[in-house]
Amino acid sequence: MLKRILRQLKEHAPFTLLGTVVGAVVTVMFVYGGISREISEKLFQAAHPAHVLFSAIVTTAMFKLHHPRRILALVVIGYVGSVGIGTLSDSLMPLLGETIIGLHDPHMHGEAHIGFIEMWWLVNPLALLGIAIAWFRPKTHLPHVGHVLLSTGASLFHMLMALETGHEHASVWTMVLIPVFLFFAVWVPCCTSDIVFPLLFCPDRRDGKPCSLHAH
């Protein structure tokens, strides 16, 4: 199982790297273009709920394809996999990166924007909508691509909310480390929520039989 998980991480790394390159370009545009933190916040508020929706579709679909009759478990796994791991990817890991890089004003403390609390009226219904969509159409390829792209955007905009725009505020060190943290904030959590997490509950795995890690 561990070898299969590592193989999936390896196979998904190029897609995440592509998203990271795009994120690096966007970072340069925002910093040198003087795009305000308020714009980054609005973009985060759009990208994070959309990320949760796509994540719920993929996580739920992956579980349903292997265990189609356990409705309650499907809802729980779909919700935790999308909202819980999505919060880790979009908010907590970027906050860690912001703190290590030193993006926050020394007189202020960094803040993790927890979507399912701050935007509970939007994020939680979208997670349930994603679960419902996957129940009727358990497909994963296209939603997974959307999940990775949206996760990249949400993580990036969370970090840009903490960055004072204008080239005089951004060192070379900052411009290099933001894409590095962005890569890991997307790569591991996305593969975990879409593939690893739902398949931990795969009955074939518990029976000692092979359990496919490939999306359909």
N, C-alpha and C. Protein backbone atom coordinates (compact mmCIF):
# COMPACT_ATOMS: atom_id res chain seq x y z
N MET A 1 0.83 -1.20 0.00
CA MET A 1 0.00 0.00 0.00
C MET A 1 0.87 1.26 0.00
N LEU A 2 1.93 1.24 0.83
CA LEU A 2 2.82 2.40 0.90
C LEU A 2 3.49 2.63 -0.45
N LYS A 3 3.90 1.56 -1.12
CA LYS A 3 4.54 1.70 -2.43
C LYS A 3 3.56 2.30 -3.44
N ARG A 4 2.31 1.89 -3.38
CA ARG A 4 1.31 2.44 -4.30
C ARG A 4 1.06 3.91 -4.03
N ILE A 5 1.02 4.27 -2.75
CA ILE A 5 0.81 5.68 -2.38
C ILE A 5 1.97 6.53 -2.89
N LEU A 6 3.20 6.04 -2.68
CA LEU A 6 4.36 6.78 -3.15
C LEU A 6 4.38 6.89 -4.66
N ARG A 7 3.91 5.85 -5.34
CA ARG A 7 3.84 5.91 -6.80
C ARG A 7 2.85 6.96 -7.26
N GLN A 8 1.71 7.05 -6.55
CA GLN A 8 0.72 8.06 -6.91
C GLN A 8 1.26 9.47 -6.67
N LEU A 9 1.97 9.65 -5.57
CA LEU A 9 2.58 10.96 -5.31
C LEU A 9 3.56 11.32 -6.42
N LYS A 10 4.33 10.34 -6.86
CA LYS A 10 5.29 10.57 -7.94
C LYS A 10 4.58 10.92 -9.23
N GLU A 11 3.49 10.20 -9.54
CA GLU A 11 2.77 10.44 -10.79
C GLU A 11 2.08 11.80 -10.80
N HIS A 12 1.66 12.28 -9.63
CA HIS A 12 0.94 13.55 -9.55
C HIS A 12 1.87 14.75 -9.39
N ALA A 13 3.14 14.49 -9.10
CA ALA A 13 4.08 15.59 -8.89
C ALA A 13 4.20 16.52 -10.10
N PRO A 14 4.25 15.99 -11.35
CA PRO A 14 4.37 16.90 -12.50
C PRO A 14 3.18 17.86 -12.64
N PHE A 15 1.97 17.39 -12.37
CA PHE A 15 0.79 18.26 -12.44
C PHE A 15 0.87 19.36 -11.38
N THR A 16 1.29 18.96 -10.18
CA THR A 16 1.43 19.93 -9.10
C THR A 16 2.53 20.94 -9.43
N LEU A 17 3.62 20.44 -10.02
CA LEU A 17 4.72 21.33 -10.39
C LEU A 17 4.26 22.36 -11.42
N LEU A 18 3.45 21.92 -12.38
CA LEU A 18 2.92 22.85 -13.38
C LEU A 18 2.09 23.94 -12.71
N GLY A 19 1.23 23.52 -11.77
CA GLY A 19 0.44 24.51 -11.04
C GLY A 19 1.30 25.44 -10.23
N THR A 20 2.41 24.92 -9.70
CA THR A 20 3.32 25.75 -8.91
C THR A 20 4.00 26.79 -9.78
N VAL A 21 4.38 26.40 -11.00
CA VAL A 21 4.99 27.35 -11.93
C VAL A 21 4.02 28.49 -12.24
N VAL A 22 2.76 28.11 -12.51
CA VAL A 22 1.73 29.13 -12.75
C VAL A 22 1.59 30.03 -11.51
N GLY A 23 1.62 29.40 -10.33
CA GLY A 23 1.52 30.17 -9.09
C GLY A 23 2.67 31.14 -8.92
N ALA A 24 3.88 30.72 -9.32
CA ALA A 24 5.04 31.60 -9.22
C ALA A 24 4.87 32.81 -10.13
N VAL A 25 4.34 32.58 -11.33
CA VAL A 25 4.10 33.68 -12.27
C VAL A 25 3.07 34.65 -11.70
N VAL A 26 1.99 34.09 -11.13
CA VAL A 26 0.95 34.93 -10.53
C VAL A 26 1.52 35.74 -9.37
N THR A 27 2.38 35.11 -8.58
CA THR A 27 3.01 35.82 -7.45
C THR A 27 3.79 37.03 -7.94
N VAL A 28 4.59 36.84 -8.98
CA VAL A 28 5.37 37.95 -9.54
C VAL A 28 4.44 39.06 -10.04
N MET A 29 3.36 38.66 -10.71
CA MET A 29 2.41 39.64 -11.23
C MET A 29 1.77 40.44 -10.10
N PHE A 30 1.39 39.75 -9.03
CA PHE A 30 0.72 40.42 -7.91
C PHE A 30 1.68 41.34 -7.16
N VAL A 31 2.90 40.85 -6.94
CA VAL A 31 3.86 41.65 -6.17
C VAL A 31 4.29 42.89 -6.94
N TYR A 32 4.73 42.68 -8.18
CA TYR A 32 5.24 43.81 -8.95
C TYR A 32 4.13 44.64 -9.57
N GLY A 33 2.93 44.08 -9.61
CA GLY A 33 1.79 44.85 -10.11
C GLY A 33 1.07 45.61 -9.01
N GLY A 34 1.50 45.40 -7.76
CA GLY A 34 0.90 46.12 -6.65
C GLY A 34 -0.54 45.73 -6.38
N ILE A 35 -0.89 44.45 -6.66
CA ILE A 35 -2.26 43.99 -6.40
C ILE A 35 -2.49 43.93 -4.89
N SER A 36 -3.58 44.49 -4.44
CA SER A 36 -3.82 44.62 -3.00
C SER A 36 -4.13 43.28 -2.33
N ARG A 37 -3.94 43.26 -1.01
CA ARG A 37 -4.30 42.09 -0.22
C ARG A 37 -5.79 41.79 -0.29
N GLU A 38 -6.59 42.85 -0.43
CA GLU A 38 -8.04 42.68 -0.48
C GLU A 38 -8.44 41.84 -1.71
N ILE A 39 -7.75 42.06 -2.83
CA ILE A 39 -8.03 41.27 -4.03
C ILE A 39 -7.67 39.81 -3.80
N SER A 40 -6.51 39.58 -3.18
CA SER A 40 -6.10 38.21 -2.86
C SER A 40 -7.12 37.54 -1.95
N GLU A 41 -7.65 38.28 -1.00
CA GLU A 41 -8.64 37.72 -0.08
C GLU A 41 -9.91 37.32 -0.81
N LYS A 42 -10.36 38.16 -1.72
CA LYS A 42 -11.57 37.84 -2.48
C LYS A 42 -11.35 36.61 -3.37
N LEU A 43 -10.16 36.52 -3.96
CA LEU A 43 -9.85 35.36 -4.79
C LEU A 43 -9.77 34.09 -3.96
N PHE A 44 -9.21 34.20 -2.75
CA PHE A 44 -9.19 33.04 -1.85
C PHE A 44 -10.61 32.62 -1.50
N GLN A 45 -11.47 33.58 -1.23
CA GLN A 45 -12.86 33.28 -0.86
C GLN A 45 -13.62 32.64 -2.00
N ALA A 46 -13.14 32.78 -3.22
CA ALA A 46 -13.76 32.10 -4.35
C ALA A 46 -13.13 30.74 -4.61
N ALA A 47 -11.79 30.68 -4.52
CA ALA A 47 -11.08 29.44 -4.85
C ALA A 47 -11.27 28.36 -3.80
N HIS A 48 -11.28 28.73 -2.53
CA HIS A 48 -11.37 27.71 -1.47
C HIS A 48 -12.71 26.95 -1.51
N PRO A 49 -13.86 27.61 -1.57
CA PRO A 49 -15.11 26.85 -1.65
C PRO A 49 -15.19 25.97 -2.90
N ALA A 50 -14.68 26.49 -4.03
CA ALA A 50 -14.68 25.68 -5.26
C ALA A 50 -13.77 24.47 -5.09
N HIS A 51 -12.64 24.66 -4.42
CA HIS A 51 -11.73 23.55 -4.14
C HIS A 51 -12.43 22.48 -3.31
N VAL A 52 -13.15 22.89 -2.28
CA VAL A 52 -13.87 21.94 -1.43
C VAL A 52 -14.90 21.15 -2.25
N LEU A 53 -15.60 21.83 -3.15
CA LEU A 53 -16.59 21.16 -4.00
C LEU A 53 -15.94 20.06 -4.83
N PHE A 54 -14.86 20.39 -5.53
CA PHE A 54 -14.20 19.40 -6.39
C PHE A 54 -13.57 18.29 -5.56
N SER A 55 -13.00 18.64 -4.42
CA SER A 55 -12.41 17.63 -3.56
C SER A 55 -13.46 16.65 -3.04
N ALA A 56 -14.63 17.17 -2.68
CA ALA A 56 -15.71 16.30 -2.20
C ALA A 56 -16.15 15.33 -3.30
N ILE A 57 -16.20 15.82 -4.54
CA ILE A 57 -16.60 14.95 -5.65
C ILE A 57 -15.61 13.80 -5.80
N VAL A 58 -14.31 14.13 -5.82
CA VAL A 58 -13.30 13.10 -6.07
C VAL A 58 -13.18 12.12 -4.90
N THR A 59 -13.11 12.65 -3.69
CA THR A 59 -12.97 11.79 -2.51
C THR A 59 -14.15 10.84 -2.37
N THR A 60 -15.34 11.38 -2.53
CA THR A 60 -16.55 10.56 -2.40
C THR A 60 -16.64 9.54 -3.52
N ALA A 61 -16.32 9.96 -4.74
CA ALA A 61 -16.39 9.05 -5.88
C ALA A 61 -15.40 7.90 -5.72
N MET A 62 -14.20 8.21 -5.24
CA MET A 62 -13.21 7.16 -5.06
C MET A 62 -13.69 6.12 -4.05
N PHE A 63 -14.29 6.58 -2.96
CA PHE A 63 -14.81 5.64 -1.97
C PHE A 63 -15.99 4.85 -2.52
N LYS A 64 -16.90 5.52 -3.22
CA LYS A 64 -18.10 4.86 -3.74
C LYS A 64 -17.75 3.78 -4.77
N LEU A 65 -16.71 4.02 -5.57
CA LEU A 65 -16.32 3.04 -6.57
C LEU A 65 -15.83 1.74 -5.94
N HIS A 66 -15.38 1.81 -4.68
CA HIS A 66 -14.89 0.62 -4.00
C HIS A 66 -15.85 0.09 -2.94
N HIS A 67 -16.77 0.95 -2.49
CA HIS A 67 -17.67 0.54 -1.41
C HIS A 67 -19.00 1.26 -1.60
N PRO A 68 -19.79 0.88 -2.60
CA PRO A 68 -20.94 1.67 -3.04
C PRO A 68 -22.15 1.70 -2.12
N ARG A 69 -22.25 0.87 -1.10
CA ARG A 69 -23.50 0.76 -0.36
C ARG A 69 -23.48 1.43 1.02
N ARG A 70 -22.36 1.89 1.46
CA ARG A 70 -22.29 2.47 2.82
C ARG A 70 -22.49 3.98 2.72
N ILE A 71 -23.74 4.40 2.77
CA ILE A 71 -24.08 5.80 2.52
C ILE A 71 -23.55 6.71 3.62
N LEU A 72 -23.76 6.34 4.87
CA LEU A 72 -23.32 7.19 5.97
C LEU A 72 -21.80 7.35 5.95
N ALA A 73 -21.09 6.25 5.76
CA ALA A 73 -19.62 6.32 5.70
C ALA A 73 -19.19 7.17 4.52
N LEU A 74 -19.89 7.06 3.42
CA LEU A 74 -19.57 7.85 2.23
C LEU A 74 -19.68 9.35 2.52
N VAL A 75 -20.73 9.74 3.22
CA VAL A 75 -20.92 11.16 3.54
C VAL A 75 -19.82 11.65 4.48
N VAL A 76 -19.51 10.85 5.50
CA VAL A 76 -18.49 11.25 6.47
C VAL A 76 -17.12 11.36 5.81
N ILE A 77 -16.76 10.36 5.02
CA ILE A 77 -15.46 10.36 4.36
C ILE A 77 -15.37 11.49 3.33
N GLY A 78 -16.46 11.70 2.60
CA GLY A 78 -16.47 12.79 1.62
C GLY A 78 -16.32 14.15 2.27
N TYR A 79 -16.98 14.33 3.41
CA TYR A 79 -16.92 15.63 4.10
C TYR A 79 -15.56 15.86 4.75
N VAL A 80 -15.09 14.88 5.50
CA VAL A 80 -13.80 15.04 6.20
C VAL A 80 -12.66 15.16 5.19
N GLY A 81 -12.72 14.34 4.13
CA GLY A 81 -11.66 14.37 3.14
C GLY A 81 -11.59 15.69 2.39
N SER A 82 -12.73 16.32 2.16
CA SER A 82 -12.74 17.59 1.41
C SER A 82 -12.55 18.79 2.32
N VAL A 83 -13.34 18.90 3.38
CA VAL A 83 -13.28 20.06 4.26
C VAL A 83 -12.04 20.00 5.17
N GLY A 84 -11.80 18.86 5.78
CA GLY A 84 -10.68 18.74 6.70
C GLY A 84 -9.34 18.88 6.00
N ILE A 85 -9.11 18.06 4.99
CA ILE A 85 -7.83 18.11 4.29
C ILE A 85 -7.73 19.36 3.44
N GLY A 86 -8.86 19.86 2.93
CA GLY A 86 -8.86 21.11 2.18
C GLY A 86 -8.44 22.29 3.04
N THR A 87 -8.86 22.29 4.30
CA THR A 87 -8.44 23.34 5.23
C THR A 87 -6.94 23.25 5.50
N LEU A 88 -6.43 22.03 5.62
CA LEU A 88 -4.98 21.85 5.80
C LEU A 88 -4.22 22.39 4.61
N SER A 89 -4.69 22.08 3.40
CA SER A 89 -4.00 22.49 2.18
C SER A 89 -4.11 23.99 1.92
N ASP A 90 -5.30 24.54 2.08
CA ASP A 90 -5.56 25.93 1.69
C ASP A 90 -5.21 26.95 2.77
N SER A 91 -5.25 26.53 4.04
CA SER A 91 -5.10 27.50 5.12
C SER A 91 -3.93 27.20 6.06
N LEU A 92 -3.88 26.00 6.61
CA LEU A 92 -2.90 25.72 7.66
C LEU A 92 -1.47 25.60 7.13
N MET A 93 -1.30 24.87 6.03
CA MET A 93 0.05 24.76 5.47
C MET A 93 0.54 26.09 4.89
N PRO A 94 -0.32 26.85 4.18
CA PRO A 94 0.13 28.19 3.77
C PRO A 94 0.49 29.08 4.95
N LEU A 95 -0.28 29.00 6.04
CA LEU A 95 0.03 29.80 7.22
C LEU A 95 1.40 29.43 7.77
N LEU A 96 1.71 28.14 7.77
CA LEU A 96 3.03 27.70 8.22
C LEU A 96 4.12 28.31 7.33
N GLY A 97 3.89 28.27 6.01
CA GLY A 97 4.84 28.87 5.09
C GLY A 97 5.00 30.36 5.31
N GLU A 98 3.88 31.04 5.53
CA GLU A 98 3.92 32.49 5.78
C GLU A 98 4.75 32.81 7.03
N THR A 99 4.57 31.98 8.05
CA THR A 99 5.28 32.21 9.31
C THR A 99 6.78 31.98 9.16
N ILE A 100 7.14 30.89 8.47
CA ILE A 100 8.56 30.57 8.29
C ILE A 100 9.25 31.61 7.41
N ILE A 101 8.57 32.02 6.33
CA ILE A 101 9.16 33.01 5.43
C ILE A 101 9.22 34.38 6.09
N GLY A 102 8.26 34.64 7.00
CA GLY A 102 8.22 35.93 7.67
C GLY A 102 7.41 36.96 6.91
N LEU A 103 6.28 36.52 6.36
CA LEU A 103 5.46 37.44 5.58
C LEU A 103 4.61 38.36 6.44
N HIS A 104 4.36 37.98 7.69
CA HIS A 104 3.46 38.75 8.52
C HIS A 104 4.13 39.98 9.12
N ASP A 105 3.36 40.99 9.29
CA ASP A 105 3.82 42.20 9.98
C ASP A 105 4.28 41.79 11.39
N PRO A 106 5.46 42.23 11.83
CA PRO A 106 5.96 41.81 13.16
C PRO A 106 5.05 42.19 14.31
N HIS A 107 4.17 43.17 14.09
CA HIS A 107 3.25 43.60 15.14
C HIS A 107 1.90 42.88 15.05
N MET A 108 1.80 41.95 14.09
CA MET A 108 0.54 41.23 13.90
C MET A 108 0.82 39.73 13.91
N HIS A 109 -0.18 38.96 14.18
CA HIS A 109 -0.06 37.51 14.15
C HIS A 109 -0.75 37.00 12.89
N GLY A 110 -0.15 35.95 12.32
CA GLY A 110 -0.76 35.36 11.14
C GLY A 110 -2.11 34.75 11.47
N GLU A 111 -2.97 34.72 10.49
CA GLU A 111 -4.31 34.21 10.70
C GLU A 111 -4.64 33.18 9.64
N ALA A 112 -5.07 32.02 10.09
CA ALA A 112 -5.54 31.00 9.16
C ALA A 112 -7.02 31.25 8.88
N HIS A 113 -7.34 31.36 7.62
CA HIS A 113 -8.74 31.61 7.24
C HIS A 113 -9.42 30.25 7.07
N ILE A 114 -10.19 29.86 8.06
CA ILE A 114 -10.84 28.55 8.10
C ILE A 114 -12.19 28.66 7.41
N GLY A 115 -12.26 28.17 6.20
CA GLY A 115 -13.44 28.36 5.37
C GLY A 115 -14.73 27.79 5.93
N PHE A 116 -14.68 26.57 6.49
CA PHE A 116 -15.93 25.94 6.93
C PHE A 116 -16.50 26.62 8.18
N ILE A 117 -15.69 27.53 8.79
CA ILE A 117 -16.19 28.34 9.92
C ILE A 117 -16.53 29.75 9.45
N GLU A 118 -15.58 30.39 8.78
CA GLU A 118 -15.79 31.77 8.34
C GLU A 118 -16.85 31.87 7.25
N MET A 119 -16.87 30.88 6.36
CA MET A 119 -17.86 30.85 5.27
C MET A 119 -18.69 29.58 5.36
N TRP A 120 -19.16 29.28 6.56
CA TRP A 120 -19.89 28.03 6.81
C TRP A 120 -21.10 27.89 5.91
N TRP A 121 -21.73 29.00 5.60
CA TRP A 121 -22.96 29.02 4.80
C TRP A 121 -22.69 28.67 3.33
N LEU A 122 -21.41 28.68 2.91
CA LEU A 122 -21.06 28.37 1.53
C LEU A 122 -20.24 27.09 1.43
N VAL A 123 -19.20 26.96 2.26
CA VAL A 123 -18.28 25.83 2.16
C VAL A 123 -18.97 24.52 2.50
N ASN A 124 -19.70 24.48 3.60
CA ASN A 124 -20.34 23.22 4.00
C ASN A 124 -21.40 22.74 3.01
N PRO A 125 -22.30 23.61 2.52
CA PRO A 125 -23.25 23.15 1.48
C PRO A 125 -22.56 22.67 0.21
N LEU A 126 -21.45 23.32 -0.17
CA LEU A 126 -20.73 22.88 -1.38
C LEU A 126 -20.11 21.50 -1.17
N ALA A 127 -19.62 21.24 0.04
CA ALA A 127 -19.08 19.91 0.32
C ALA A 127 -20.18 18.86 0.19
N LEU A 128 -21.36 19.15 0.71
CA LEU A 128 -22.48 18.21 0.61
C LEU A 128 -22.94 18.07 -0.84
N LEU A 129 -22.89 19.17 -1.60
CA LEU A 129 -23.25 19.10 -3.02
C LEU A 129 -22.28 18.20 -3.76
N GLY A 130 -20.98 18.34 -3.47
CA GLY A 130 -19.99 17.48 -4.10
C GLY A 130 -20.21 16.01 -3.79
N ILE A 131 -20.58 15.72 -2.55
CA ILE A 131 -20.88 14.34 -2.16
C ILE A 131 -22.08 13.82 -2.94
N ALA A 132 -23.10 14.64 -3.09
CA ALA A 132 -24.30 14.24 -3.83
C ALA A 132 -23.98 13.99 -5.30
N ILE A 133 -23.18 14.86 -5.89
CA ILE A 133 -22.81 14.68 -7.30
C ILE A 133 -22.07 13.36 -7.49
N ALA A 134 -21.14 13.07 -6.58
CA ALA A 134 -20.36 11.84 -6.69
C ALA A 134 -21.22 10.60 -6.46
N TRP A 135 -22.26 10.75 -5.67
CA TRP A 135 -23.15 9.62 -5.44
C TRP A 135 -23.83 9.19 -6.74
N PHE A 136 -24.26 10.16 -7.54
CA PHE A 136 -24.95 9.85 -8.78
C PHE A 136 -24.00 9.64 -9.96
N ARG A 137 -22.85 10.35 -9.97
CA ARG A 137 -21.88 10.22 -11.06
C ARG A 137 -20.46 10.13 -10.46
N PRO A 138 -20.06 8.95 -10.04
CA PRO A 138 -18.75 8.80 -9.40
C PRO A 138 -17.59 8.78 -10.40
N LYS A 139 -17.29 9.94 -10.95
CA LYS A 139 -16.16 10.10 -11.87
C LYS A 139 -15.10 10.95 -11.19
N THR A 140 -13.83 10.69 -11.51
CA THR A 140 -12.77 11.36 -10.76
C THR A 140 -11.71 12.07 -11.59
N HIS A 141 -11.51 11.73 -12.85
CA HIS A 141 -10.39 12.30 -13.60
C HIS A 141 -10.47 13.82 -13.71
N LEU A 142 -11.53 14.33 -14.33
CA LEU A 142 -11.66 15.78 -14.53
C LEU A 142 -11.77 16.53 -13.20
N PRO A 143 -12.60 16.08 -12.26
CA PRO A 143 -12.65 16.78 -10.97
C PRO A 143 -11.30 16.83 -10.26
N HIS A 144 -10.47 15.78 -10.43
CA HIS A 144 -9.17 15.80 -9.75
C HIS A 144 -8.28 16.89 -10.32
N VAL A 145 -8.29 17.06 -11.63
CA VAL A 145 -7.51 18.13 -12.26
C VAL A 145 -7.98 19.49 -11.74
N GLY A 146 -9.31 19.67 -11.69
CA GLY A 146 -9.86 20.91 -11.16
C GLY A 146 -9.49 21.10 -9.71
N HIS A 147 -9.49 20.01 -8.95
CA HIS A 147 -9.13 20.06 -7.54
C HIS A 147 -7.70 20.59 -7.36
N VAL A 148 -6.77 20.06 -8.15
CA VAL A 148 -5.37 20.48 -8.03
C VAL A 148 -5.22 21.96 -8.38
N LEU A 149 -5.86 22.40 -9.46
CA LEU A 149 -5.73 23.80 -9.88
C LEU A 149 -6.35 24.74 -8.85
N LEU A 150 -7.52 24.38 -8.35
CA LEU A 150 -8.18 25.24 -7.37
C LEU A 150 -7.44 25.25 -6.04
N SER A 151 -6.89 24.12 -5.67
CA SER A 151 -6.11 24.06 -4.44
C SER A 151 -4.86 24.94 -4.56
N THR A 152 -4.24 24.91 -5.73
CA THR A 152 -3.08 25.77 -5.97
C THR A 152 -3.47 27.24 -5.81
N GLY A 153 -4.60 27.62 -6.40
CA GLY A 153 -5.05 29.00 -6.30
C GLY A 153 -5.37 29.41 -4.88
N ALA A 154 -6.09 28.54 -4.16
CA ALA A 154 -6.49 28.88 -2.80
C ALA A 154 -5.27 29.02 -1.89
N SER A 155 -4.33 28.08 -1.98
CA SER A 155 -3.12 28.15 -1.15
C SER A 155 -2.31 29.39 -1.48
N LEU A 156 -2.19 29.69 -2.77
CA LEU A 156 -1.41 30.86 -3.19
C LEU A 156 -2.03 32.15 -2.68
N PHE A 157 -3.35 32.29 -2.86
CA PHE A 157 -3.99 33.54 -2.46
C PHE A 157 -3.99 33.72 -0.94
N HIS A 158 -3.99 32.60 -0.19
CA HIS A 158 -3.87 32.70 1.26
C HIS A 158 -2.51 33.30 1.61
N MET A 159 -1.47 32.88 0.92
CA MET A 159 -0.13 33.40 1.19
C MET A 159 0.00 34.85 0.72
N LEU A 160 -0.62 35.17 -0.41
CA LEU A 160 -0.54 36.53 -0.93
C LEU A 160 -1.31 37.52 -0.05
N MET A 161 -2.30 37.02 0.70
CA MET A 161 -3.01 37.90 1.64
C MET A 161 -2.07 38.42 2.72
N ALA A 162 -1.00 37.65 3.01
CA ALA A 162 -0.06 38.04 4.07
C ALA A 162 1.11 38.84 3.53
N LEU A 163 1.19 38.99 2.20
CA LEU A 163 2.35 39.64 1.59
C LEU A 163 2.02 41.07 1.21
N GLU A 164 2.83 41.99 1.71
CA GLU A 164 2.68 43.39 1.33
C GLU A 164 3.14 43.53 -0.12
N THR A 165 2.26 44.02 -1.00
CA THR A 165 2.61 44.11 -2.41
C THR A 165 3.55 45.27 -2.68
N GLY A 166 4.19 45.20 -3.84
CA GLY A 166 5.20 46.18 -4.19
C GLY A 166 6.57 45.53 -4.11
N HIS A 167 7.40 45.72 -5.12
CA HIS A 167 8.67 45.00 -5.19
C HIS A 167 9.59 45.31 -4.01
N GLU A 168 9.42 46.47 -3.37
CA GLU A 168 10.30 46.82 -2.26
C GLU A 168 10.03 45.96 -1.03
N HIS A 169 8.88 45.26 -1.01
CA HIS A 169 8.52 44.44 0.15
C HIS A 169 8.85 42.95 -0.04
N ALA A 170 9.23 42.57 -1.26
CA ALA A 170 9.44 41.15 -1.56
C ALA A 170 10.90 40.89 -1.90
N SER A 171 11.57 40.13 -1.07
CA SER A 171 12.96 39.76 -1.33
C SER A 171 13.01 38.58 -2.27
N VAL A 172 14.19 38.31 -2.80
CA VAL A 172 14.37 37.13 -3.65
C VAL A 172 14.05 35.87 -2.87
N TRP A 173 14.44 35.84 -1.61
CA TRP A 173 14.15 34.71 -0.72
C TRP A 173 12.65 34.44 -0.64
N THR A 174 11.87 35.49 -0.51
CA THR A 174 10.42 35.36 -0.45
C THR A 174 9.87 34.82 -1.75
N MET A 175 10.32 35.35 -2.86
CA MET A 175 9.81 34.95 -4.17
C MET A 175 10.17 33.50 -4.50
N VAL A 176 11.25 33.01 -3.93
CA VAL A 176 11.65 31.61 -4.16
C VAL A 176 10.88 30.66 -3.25
N LEU A 177 10.72 31.05 -1.99
CA LEU A 177 10.11 30.14 -1.02
C LEU A 177 8.60 30.01 -1.17
N ILE A 178 7.93 31.04 -1.64
CA ILE A 178 6.48 30.93 -1.81
C ILE A 178 6.11 29.77 -2.73
N PRO A 179 6.71 29.63 -3.92
CA PRO A 179 6.39 28.47 -4.76
C PRO A 179 6.75 27.13 -4.11
N VAL A 180 7.82 27.09 -3.32
CA VAL A 180 8.21 25.84 -2.66
C VAL A 180 7.13 25.40 -1.68
N PHE A 181 6.68 26.31 -0.83
CA PHE A 181 5.61 25.97 0.11
C PHE A 181 4.31 25.69 -0.62
N LEU A 182 4.08 26.40 -1.71
CA LEU A 182 2.87 26.18 -2.51
C LEU A 182 2.84 24.76 -3.05
N PHE A 183 3.97 24.27 -3.53
CA PHE A 183 4.05 22.91 -4.08
C PHE A 183 3.64 21.87 -3.04
N PHE A 184 4.23 21.96 -1.85
CA PHE A 184 3.95 20.95 -0.83
C PHE A 184 2.55 21.12 -0.23
N ALA A 185 2.04 22.35 -0.21
CA ALA A 185 0.69 22.58 0.32
C ALA A 185 -0.37 21.97 -0.58
N VAL A 186 -0.04 21.75 -1.85
CA VAL A 186 -0.99 21.18 -2.81
C VAL A 186 -0.72 19.70 -3.03
N TRP A 187 0.54 19.34 -3.20
CA TRP A 187 0.92 17.99 -3.63
C TRP A 187 0.45 16.91 -2.66
N VAL A 188 0.89 16.97 -1.42
CA VAL A 188 0.56 15.90 -0.47
C VAL A 188 -0.91 15.91 -0.08
N PRO A 189 -1.50 17.06 0.33
CA PRO A 189 -2.91 17.03 0.73
C PRO A 189 -3.87 16.62 -0.40
N CYS A 190 -3.62 17.07 -1.62
CA CYS A 190 -4.54 16.74 -2.72
C CYS A 190 -4.54 15.24 -2.99
N CYS A 191 -3.36 14.64 -3.05
CA CYS A 191 -3.29 13.20 -3.27
C CYS A 191 -3.86 12.44 -2.08
N THR A 192 -3.66 12.99 -0.88
CA THR A 192 -4.19 12.34 0.32
C THR A 192 -5.70 12.33 0.31
N SER A 193 -6.31 13.49 0.06
CA SER A 193 -7.77 13.56 0.14
C SER A 193 -8.43 12.84 -1.01
N ASP A 194 -7.84 12.91 -2.22
CA ASP A 194 -8.47 12.31 -3.40
C ASP A 194 -8.27 10.81 -3.48
N ILE A 195 -7.13 10.32 -3.01
CA ILE A 195 -6.77 8.93 -3.27
C ILE A 195 -6.53 8.14 -1.98
N VAL A 196 -5.57 8.60 -1.18
CA VAL A 196 -5.15 7.81 -0.02
C VAL A 196 -6.25 7.72 1.02
N PHE A 197 -6.83 8.85 1.42
CA PHE A 197 -7.81 8.87 2.51
C PHE A 197 -9.02 7.97 2.25
N PRO A 198 -9.71 8.08 1.10
CA PRO A 198 -10.87 7.19 0.90
C PRO A 198 -10.50 5.73 0.81
N LEU A 199 -9.30 5.43 0.27
CA LEU A 199 -8.93 4.03 0.09
C LEU A 199 -8.39 3.39 1.37
N LEU A 200 -8.17 4.19 2.40
CA LEU A 200 -7.83 3.59 3.69
C LEU A 200 -9.00 2.76 4.22
N PHE A 201 -10.19 3.06 3.72
CA PHE A 201 -11.40 2.36 4.16
C PHE A 201 -11.88 1.35 3.13
N CYS A 202 -11.03 1.08 2.15
CA CYS A 202 -11.37 0.12 1.10
C CYS A 202 -11.40 -1.28 1.67
N PRO A 203 -12.52 -2.01 1.53
CA PRO A 203 -12.62 -3.35 2.13
C PRO A 203 -11.63 -4.33 1.54
N ASP A 204 -11.29 -4.18 0.24
CA ASP A 204 -10.35 -5.11 -0.38
C ASP A 204 -8.99 -5.06 0.29
N ARG A 205 -8.63 -3.84 0.73
CA ARG A 205 -7.35 -3.67 1.41
C ARG A 205 -7.35 -4.45 2.73
N ARG A 206 -8.43 -4.38 3.47
CA ARG A 206 -8.48 -5.08 4.75
C ARG A 206 -8.48 -6.59 4.56
N ASP A 207 -9.02 -7.06 3.41
CA ASP A 207 -9.08 -8.49 3.15
C ASP A 207 -7.78 -9.02 2.56
N GLY A 208 -6.82 -8.13 2.36
CA GLY A 208 -5.55 -8.56 1.80
C GLY A 208 -5.55 -8.65 0.30
N LYS A 209 -6.60 -8.16 -0.37
CA LYS A 209 -6.68 -8.18 -1.82
C LYS A 209 -6.20 -6.85 -2.37
N PRO A 210 -5.77 -6.85 -3.64
CA PRO A 210 -5.31 -5.59 -4.21
C PRO A 210 -6.42 -4.57 -4.29
N CYS A 211 -6.09 -3.32 -4.02
CA CYS A 211 -7.06 -2.24 -4.07
C CYS A 211 -6.53 -1.14 -4.98
N SER A 212 -7.19 -0.94 -6.09
CA SER A 212 -6.68 -0.01 -7.10
C SER A 212 -6.64 1.41 -6.58
N LEU A 213 -5.53 2.09 -6.90
CA LEU A 213 -5.37 3.49 -6.52
C LEU A 213 -5.60 4.41 -7.70
N HIS A 214 -6.08 3.87 -8.79
CA HIS A 214 -6.25 4.68 -9.98
C HIS A 214 -7.66 5.23 -10.08
N ALA A 215 -7.76 6.53 -10.35
CA ALA A 215 -9.06 7.16 -10.52
C ALA A 215 -9.70 6.69 -11.80
N HIS A 216 -11.02 6.77 -11.85
CA HIS A 216 -11.78 6.35 -13.02
C HIS A 216 -12.32 7.56 -13.76
